[in-house]
Amino acid sequence: CVDFDPGHFFDDTIGVTKTIHDRPRRVVIKVDSD
């Protein structure tokens, strides 16, 4: 598959759920002091 790069395909992914067409999104999270 020319669209699959095994060295970098999951660089923008937590876990393994991803398709060729998925693109990363900017996620903003607030974490408390604990």
All heavy atoms as atom14 arrays in JSON, in Angstrom:
{
  "sequence": "CVDFDPGHFFDDTIGVTKTIHDRPRRVVIKVDSD",
  "atom14_mask": [
    [1, 1, 1, 1, 1, 1, 0, 0, 0, 0, 0, 0, 0, 0],
    [1, 1, 1, 1, 1, 1, 1, 0, 0, 0, 0, 0, 0, 0],
    [1, 1, 1, 1, 1, 1, 1, 1, 0, 0, 0, 0, 0, 0],
    [1, 1, 1, 1, 1, 1, 1, 1, 1, 1, 1, 0, 0, 0],
    [1, 1, 1, 1, 1, 1, 1, 1, 0, 0, 0, 0, 0, 0],
    [1, 1, 1, 1, 1, 1, 1, 0, 0, 0, 0, 0, 0, 0],
    [1, 1, 1, 1, 0, 0, 0, 0, 0, 0, 0, 0, 0, 0],
    [1, 1, 1, 1, 1, 1, 1, 1, 1, 1, 0, 0, 0, 0],
    [1, 1, 1, 1, 1, 1, 1, 1, 1, 1, 1, 0, 0, 0],
    [1, 1, 1, 1, 1, 1, 1, 1, 1, 1, 1, 0, 0, 0],
    [1, 1, 1, 1, 1, 1, 1, 1, 0, 0, 0, 0, 0, 0],
    [1, 1, 1, 1, 1, 1, 1, 1, 0, 0, 0, 0, 0, 0],
    [1, 1, 1, 1, 1, 1, 1, 0, 0, 0, 0, 0, 0, 0],
    [1, 1, 1, 1, 1, 1, 1, 1, 0, 0, 0, 0, 0, 0],
    [1, 1, 1, 1, 0, 0, 0, 0, 0, 0, 0, 0, 0, 0],
    [1, 1, 1, 1, 1, 1, 1, 0, 0, 0, 0, 0, 0, 0],
    [1, 1, 1, 1, 1, 1, 1, 0, 0, 0, 0, 0, 0, 0],
    [1, 1, 1, 1, 1, 1, 1, 1, 1, 0, 0, 0, 0, 0],
    [1, 1, 1, 1, 1, 1, 1, 0, 0, 0, 0, 0, 0, 0],
    [1, 1, 1, 1, 1, 1, 1, 1, 0, 0, 0, 0, 0, 0],
    [1, 1, 1, 1, 1, 1, 1, 1, 1, 1, 0, 0, 0, 0],
    [1, 1, 1, 1, 1, 1, 1, 1, 0, 0, 0, 0, 0, 0],
    [1, 1, 1, 1, 1, 1, 1, 1, 1, 1, 1, 0, 0, 0],
    [1, 1, 1, 1, 1, 1, 1, 0, 0, 0, 0, 0, 0, 0],
    [1, 1, 1, 1, 1, 1, 1, 1, 1, 1, 1, 0, 0, 0],
    [1, 1, 1, 1, 1, 1, 1, 1, 1, 1, 1, 0, 0, 0],
    [1, 1, 1, 1, 1, 1, 1, 0, 0, 0, 0, 0, 0, 0],
    [1, 1, 1, 1, 1, 1, 1, 0, 0, 0, 0, 0, 0, 0],
    [1, 1, 1, 1, 1, 1, 1, 1, 0, 0, 0, 0, 0, 0],
    [1, 1, 1, 1, 1, 1, 1, 1, 1, 0, 0, 0, 0, 0],
    [1, 1, 1, 1, 1, 1, 1, 0, 0, 0, 0, 0, 0, 0],
    [1, 1, 1, 1, 1, 1, 1, 1, 0, 0, 0, 0, 0, 0],
    [1, 1, 1, 1, 1, 1, 0, 0, 0, 0, 0, 0, 0, 0],
    [1, 1, 1, 1, 1, 1, 1, 1, 0, 0, 0, 0, 0, 0]
  ],
  "atom14_positions": [
    [[0.86, -1.18, 0.0], [0.0, 0.0, 0.0], [0.89, 1.24, 0.0], [1.64, 1.48, 0.95], [-0.91, 0.0, 1.23], [-1.98, 1.45, 1.35], [0.0, 0.0, 0.0], [0.0, 0.0, 0.0], [0.0, 0.0, 0.0], [0.0, 0.0, 0.0], [0.0, 0.0, 0.0], [0.0, 0.0, 0.0], [0.0, 0.0, 0.0], [0.0, 0.0, 0.0]],
    [[0.82, 2.03, -1.05], [1.71, 3.19, -1.18], [1.39, 4.27, -0.16], [2.22, 5.13, 0.13], [1.64, 3.78, -2.61], [2.16, 2.77, -3.63], [0.21, 4.2, -2.95], [0.0, 0.0, 0.0], [0.0, 0.0, 0.0], [0.0, 0.0, 0.0], [0.0, 0.0, 0.0], [0.0, 0.0, 0.0], [0.0, 0.0, 0.0], [0.0, 0.0, 0.0]],
    [[0.18, 4.24, 0.4], [-0.23, 5.26, 1.36], [0.1, 4.88, 2.8], [-0.23, 5.63, 3.73], [-1.74, 5.53, 1.25], [-2.12, 6.13, -0.09], [-1.36, 6.98, -0.58], [-3.15, 5.75, -0.65], [0.0, 0.0, 0.0], [0.0, 0.0, 0.0], [0.0, 0.0, 0.0], [0.0, 0.0, 0.0], [0.0, 0.0, 0.0], [0.0, 0.0, 0.0]],
    [[0.73, 3.72, 2.99], [1.04, 3.27, 4.35], [2.54, 3.3, 4.57], [3.3, 2.62, 3.87], [0.5, 1.86, 4.6], [0.82, 1.34, 5.97], [0.08, 1.75, 7.07], [1.86, 0.44, 6.16], [0.38, 1.28, 8.34], [2.18, -0.03, 7.43], [1.42, 0.39, 8.52], [0.0, 0.0, 0.0], [0.0, 0.0, 0.0], [0.0, 0.0, 0.0]],
    [[2.98, 4.08, 5.54], [4.39, 4.16, 5.92], [4.52, 3.56, 7.31], [4.15, 4.19, 8.31], [4.85, 5.62, 5.94], [6.31, 5.77, 6.36], [6.95, 4.74, 6.64], [6.79, 6.91, 6.42], [0.0, 0.0, 0.0], [0.0, 0.0, 0.0], [0.0, 0.0, 0.0], [0.0, 0.0, 0.0], [0.0, 0.0, 0.0], [0.0, 0.0, 0.0]],
    [[5.03, 2.32, 7.42], [5.07, 1.65, 8.72], [5.91, 2.38, 9.76], [5.68, 2.24, 10.96], [5.66, 0.27, 8.4], [6.39, 0.45, 7.11], [5.61, 1.48, 6.35], [0.0, 0.0, 0.0], [0.0, 0.0, 0.0], [0.0, 0.0, 0.0], [0.0, 0.0, 0.0], [0.0, 0.0, 0.0], [0.0, 0.0, 0.0], [0.0, 0.0, 0.0]],
    [[6.87, 3.17, 9.32], [7.73, 3.88, 10.26], [7.07, 5.09, 10.89], [7.5, 5.53, 11.97], [0.0, 0.0, 0.0], [0.0, 0.0, 0.0], [0.0, 0.0, 0.0], [0.0, 0.0, 0.0], [0.0, 0.0, 0.0], [0.0, 0.0, 0.0], [0.0, 0.0, 0.0], [0.0, 0.0, 0.0], [0.0, 0.0, 0.0], [0.0, 0.0, 0.0]],
    [[6.03, 5.64, 10.24], [5.46, 6.89, 10.73], [3.93, 6.91, 10.75], [3.34, 7.91, 11.17], [5.96, 8.06, 9.87], [7.45, 8.23, 9.89], [8.13, 8.75, 10.96], [8.38, 7.9, 8.96], [9.43, 8.75, 10.71], [9.61, 8.24, 9.51], [0.0, 0.0, 0.0], [0.0, 0.0, 0.0], [0.0, 0.0, 0.0], [0.0, 0.0, 0.0]],
    [[3.29, 5.85, 10.32], [1.83, 5.85, 10.21], [1.16, 6.17, 11.55], [0.15, 6.87, 11.59], [1.34, 4.49, 9.69], [-0.13, 4.43, 9.42], [-0.68, 5.04, 8.3], [-0.99, 3.77, 10.29], [-2.04, 4.98, 8.03], [-2.35, 3.7, 10.04], [-2.88, 4.32, 8.91], [0.0, 0.0, 0.0], [0.0, 0.0, 0.0], [0.0, 0.0, 0.0]],
    [[1.73, 5.67, 12.65], [1.09, 5.86, 13.95], [1.71, 6.99, 14.77], [1.44, 7.11, 15.96], [1.16, 4.56, 14.75], [0.28, 3.46, 14.21], [0.83, 2.42, 13.47], [-1.09, 3.47, 14.42], [0.02, 1.41, 12.96], [-1.9, 2.47, 13.91], [-1.35, 1.43, 13.18], [0.0, 0.0, 0.0], [0.0, 0.0, 0.0], [0.0, 0.0, 0.0]],
    [[2.52, 7.83, 14.14], [3.16, 8.92, 14.87], [2.15, 9.86, 15.52], [2.42, 10.43, 16.58], [4.07, 9.73, 13.94], [5.38, 9.01, 13.64], [5.61, 7.93, 14.23], [6.16, 9.51, 12.8], [0.0, 0.0, 0.0], [0.0, 0.0, 0.0], [0.0, 0.0, 0.0], [0.0, 0.0, 0.0], [0.0, 0.0, 0.0], [0.0, 0.0, 0.0]],
    [[1.01, 10.05, 14.88], [0.01, 10.98, 15.39], [-1.17, 10.26, 16.04], [-2.28, 10.81, 16.12], [-0.49, 11.89, 14.25], [-1.04, 11.09, 13.06], [-1.19, 9.85, 13.2], [-1.3, 11.69, 12.01], [0.0, 0.0, 0.0], [0.0, 0.0, 0.0], [0.0, 0.0, 0.0], [0.0, 0.0, 0.0], [0.0, 0.0, 0.0], [0.0, 0.0, 0.0]],
    [[-0.95, 9.04, 16.5], [-2.04, 8.21, 16.99], [-1.74, 7.65, 18.37], [-0.63, 7.2, 18.64], [-2.29, 7.03, 16.02], [-2.45, 7.54, 14.7], [-3.54, 6.25, 16.42], [0.0, 0.0, 0.0], [0.0, 0.0, 0.0], [0.0, 0.0, 0.0], [0.0, 0.0, 0.0], [0.0, 0.0, 0.0], [0.0, 0.0, 0.0], [0.0, 0.0, 0.0]],
    [[-2.73, 7.67, 19.23], [-2.68, 6.96, 20.5], [-3.41, 5.64, 20.29], [-4.58, 5.61, 19.94], [-3.36, 7.76, 21.63], [-2.56, 9.04, 21.92], [-3.49, 6.92, 22.9], [-3.23, 9.98, 22.89], [0.0, 0.0, 0.0], [0.0, 0.0, 0.0], [0.0, 0.0, 0.0], [0.0, 0.0, 0.0], [0.0, 0.0, 0.0], [0.0, 0.0, 0.0]],
    [[-2.71, 4.52, 20.45], [-3.32, 3.22, 20.2], [-3.11, 2.77, 18.77], [-2.1, 3.11, 18.14], [0.0, 0.0, 0.0], [0.0, 0.0, 0.0], [0.0, 0.0, 0.0], [0.0, 0.0, 0.0], [0.0, 0.0, 0.0], [0.0, 0.0, 0.0], [0.0, 0.0, 0.0], [0.0, 0.0, 0.0], [0.0, 0.0, 0.0], [0.0, 0.0, 0.0]],
    [[-4.1, 2.04, 18.23], [-3.95, 1.45, 16.9], [-5.11, 1.79, 15.96], [-5.07, 1.41, 14.79], [-3.83, -0.09, 16.98], [-2.57, -0.48, 17.74], [-5.06, -0.71, 17.64], [0.0, 0.0, 0.0], [0.0, 0.0, 0.0], [0.0, 0.0, 0.0], [0.0, 0.0, 0.0], [0.0, 0.0, 0.0], [0.0, 0.0, 0.0], [0.0, 0.0, 0.0]],
    [[-6.13, 2.48, 16.45], [-7.31, 2.75, 15.63], [-7.07, 3.97, 14.74], [-7.03, 5.1, 15.21], [-8.56, 2.99, 16.49], [-8.74, 1.86, 17.36], [-9.8, 3.17, 15.63], [0.0, 0.0, 0.0], [0.0, 0.0, 0.0], [0.0, 0.0, 0.0], [0.0, 0.0, 0.0], [0.0, 0.0, 0.0], [0.0, 0.0, 0.0], [0.0, 0.0, 0.0]],
    [[-6.88, 3.7, 13.44], [-6.62, 4.77, 12.49], [-6.82, 4.25, 11.09], [-6.49, 3.1, 10.8], [-5.19, 5.31, 12.64], [-4.88, 6.47, 11.69], [-3.4, 6.87, 11.77], [-3.1, 7.99, 10.78], [-1.66, 8.36, 10.76], [0.0, 0.0, 0.0], [0.0, 0.0, 0.0], [0.0, 0.0, 0.0], [0.0, 0.0, 0.0], [0.0, 0.0, 0.0]],
    [[-7.36, 5.1, 10.21], [-7.47, 4.76, 8.8], [-6.49, 5.62, 8.01], [-5.91, 6.58, 8.54], [-8.9, 5.01, 8.27], [-9.14, 6.43, 8.19], [-9.94, 4.37, 9.18], [0.0, 0.0, 0.0], [0.0, 0.0, 0.0], [0.0, 0.0, 0.0], [0.0, 0.0, 0.0], [0.0, 0.0, 0.0], [0.0, 0.0, 0.0], [0.0, 0.0, 0.0]],
    [[-6.32, 5.27, 6.75], [-5.4, 6.03, 5.89], [-5.83, 7.49, 5.78], [-5.0, 8.4, 5.67], [-5.33, 5.38, 4.49], [-4.53, 4.07, 4.57], [-4.7, 6.32, 3.47], [-4.45, 3.34, 3.27], [0.0, 0.0, 0.0], [0.0, 0.0, 0.0], [0.0, 0.0, 0.0], [0.0, 0.0, 0.0], [0.0, 0.0, 0.0], [0.0, 0.0, 0.0]],
    [[-7.13, 7.71, 5.84], [-7.65, 9.06, 5.6], [-7.76, 9.9, 6.87], [-8.07, 11.09, 6.79], [-9.02, 8.97, 4.92], [-9.01, 8.16, 3.66], [-8.35, 8.57, 2.52], [-9.54, 6.94, 3.37], [-8.5, 7.65, 1.57], [-9.21, 6.66, 2.07], [0.0, 0.0, 0.0], [0.0, 0.0, 0.0], [0.0, 0.0, 0.0], [0.0, 0.0, 0.0]],
    [[-7.51, 9.31, 8.05], [-7.59, 10.09, 9.29], [-6.45, 11.09, 9.37], [-5.31, 10.79, 8.99], [-7.51, 9.15, 10.5], [-8.81, 8.42, 10.74], [-9.86, 8.93, 10.33], [-8.77, 7.32, 11.34], [0.0, 0.0, 0.0], [0.0, 0.0, 0.0], [0.0, 0.0, 0.0], [0.0, 0.0, 0.0], [0.0, 0.0, 0.0], [0.0, 0.0, 0.0]],
    [[-6.77, 12.27, 9.85], [-5.78, 13.32, 10.02], [-5.79, 13.78, 11.47], [-6.83, 13.79, 12.13], [-6.07, 14.51, 9.09], [-5.95, 14.16, 7.61], [-4.5, 13.83, 7.25], [-4.35, 13.45, 5.85], [-4.34, 12.21, 5.4], [-4.48, 11.2, 6.27], [-4.2, 11.93, 4.13], [0.0, 0.0, 0.0], [0.0, 0.0, 0.0], [0.0, 0.0, 0.0]],
    [[-4.64, 14.19, 11.99], [-4.6, 14.62, 13.39], [-5.38, 15.91, 13.61], [-5.47, 16.76, 12.72], [-3.1, 14.82, 13.66], [-2.51, 15.08, 12.31], [-3.32, 14.27, 11.34], [0.0, 0.0, 0.0], [0.0, 0.0, 0.0], [0.0, 0.0, 0.0], [0.0, 0.0, 0.0], [0.0, 0.0, 0.0], [0.0, 0.0, 0.0], [0.0, 0.0, 0.0]],
    [[-5.93, 16.04, 14.8], [-6.67, 17.24, 15.2], [-5.99, 17.85, 16.42], [-5.34, 17.15, 17.21], [-8.11, 16.87, 15.55], [-8.9, 16.22, 14.43], [-9.41, 17.26, 13.44], [-10.25, 18.26, 14.1], [-11.55, 18.08, 14.38], [-12.14, 16.92, 14.08], [-12.25, 19.02, 14.96], [0.0, 0.0, 0.0], [0.0, 0.0, 0.0], [0.0, 0.0, 0.0]],
    [[-6.18, 19.12, 16.6], [-5.66, 19.78, 17.79], [-6.62, 19.53, 18.95], [-7.8, 19.9, 18.88], [-5.48, 21.28, 17.55], [-4.89, 22.03, 18.75], [-4.58, 23.48, 18.39], [-4.05, 24.22, 19.52], [-4.78, 24.92, 20.37], [-6.12, 24.99, 20.19], [-4.23, 25.56, 21.39], [0.0, 0.0, 0.0], [0.0, 0.0, 0.0], [0.0, 0.0, 0.0]],
    [[-6.12, 18.9, 19.99], [-6.92, 18.57, 21.17], [-6.39, 19.39, 22.34], [-5.18, 19.37, 22.62], [-6.85, 17.07, 21.49], [-7.62, 16.76, 22.78], [-7.4, 16.25, 20.33], [0.0, 0.0, 0.0], [0.0, 0.0, 0.0], [0.0, 0.0, 0.0], [0.0, 0.0, 0.0], [0.0, 0.0, 0.0], [0.0, 0.0, 0.0], [0.0, 0.0, 0.0]],
    [[-7.27, 20.09, 23.03], [-6.89, 20.91, 24.18], [-7.53, 20.33, 25.43], [-8.74, 20.09, 25.47], [-7.32, 22.39, 24.0], [-6.88, 23.23, 25.2], [-6.74, 22.95, 22.71], [0.0, 0.0, 0.0], [0.0, 0.0, 0.0], [0.0, 0.0, 0.0], [0.0, 0.0, 0.0], [0.0, 0.0, 0.0], [0.0, 0.0, 0.0], [0.0, 0.0, 0.0]],
    [[-6.71, 20.1, 26.45], [-7.17, 19.46, 27.68], [-6.66, 20.25, 28.88], [-5.49, 20.67, 28.92], [-6.66, 18.01, 27.78], [-7.14, 17.19, 26.59], [-7.1, 17.36, 29.09], [-6.54, 15.79, 26.52], [0.0, 0.0, 0.0], [0.0, 0.0, 0.0], [0.0, 0.0, 0.0], [0.0, 0.0, 0.0], [0.0, 0.0, 0.0], [0.0, 0.0, 0.0]],
    [[-7.53, 20.42, 29.87], [-7.13, 21.04, 31.13], [-7.0, 19.95, 32.18], [-7.88, 19.1, 32.32], [-8.14, 22.08, 31.59], [-7.71, 22.85, 32.83], [-8.69, 23.95, 33.2], [-8.21, 24.71, 34.43], [-9.16, 25.78, 34.83], [0.0, 0.0, 0.0], [0.0, 0.0, 0.0], [0.0, 0.0, 0.0], [0.0, 0.0, 0.0], [0.0, 0.0, 0.0]],
    [[-5.87, 19.95, 32.89], [-5.58, 18.93, 33.9], [-5.43, 19.62, 35.25], [-4.71, 20.62, 35.37], [-4.28, 18.17, 33.56], [-4.06, 17.03, 34.54], [-4.33, 17.64, 32.13], [0.0, 0.0, 0.0], [0.0, 0.0, 0.0], [0.0, 0.0, 0.0], [0.0, 0.0, 0.0], [0.0, 0.0, 0.0], [0.0, 0.0, 0.0], [0.0, 0.0, 0.0]],
    [[-6.11, 19.08, 36.28], [-6.06, 19.74, 37.59], [-4.71, 19.54, 38.26], [-3.85, 18.8, 37.78], [-7.22, 19.28, 38.49], [-7.1, 17.83, 38.95], [-6.02, 17.23, 38.79], [-8.1, 17.28, 39.46], [0.0, 0.0, 0.0], [0.0, 0.0, 0.0], [0.0, 0.0, 0.0], [0.0, 0.0, 0.0], [0.0, 0.0, 0.0], [0.0, 0.0, 0.0]],
    [[-4.53, 20.21, 39.41], [-3.24, 20.22, 40.08], [-2.82, 18.85, 40.6], [-1.63, 18.57, 40.75], [-3.26, 21.23, 41.24], [-4.3, 20.91, 42.17], [0.0, 0.0, 0.0], [0.0, 0.0, 0.0], [0.0, 0.0, 0.0], [0.0, 0.0, 0.0], [0.0, 0.0, 0.0], [0.0, 0.0, 0.0], [0.0, 0.0, 0.0], [0.0, 0.0, 0.0]],
    [[-3.8, 17.98, 40.9], [-3.47, 16.65, 41.41], [-2.75, 15.8, 40.36], [-1.81, 15.07, 40.67], [-4.74, 15.91, 41.87], [-5.3, 16.47, 43.17], [-4.52, 17.11, 43.92], [-6.5, 16.28, 43.45], [0.0, 0.0, 0.0], [0.0, 0.0, 0.0], [0.0, 0.0, 0.0], [0.0, 0.0, 0.0], [0.0, 0.0, 0.0], [0.0, 0.0, 0.0]]
  ]
}
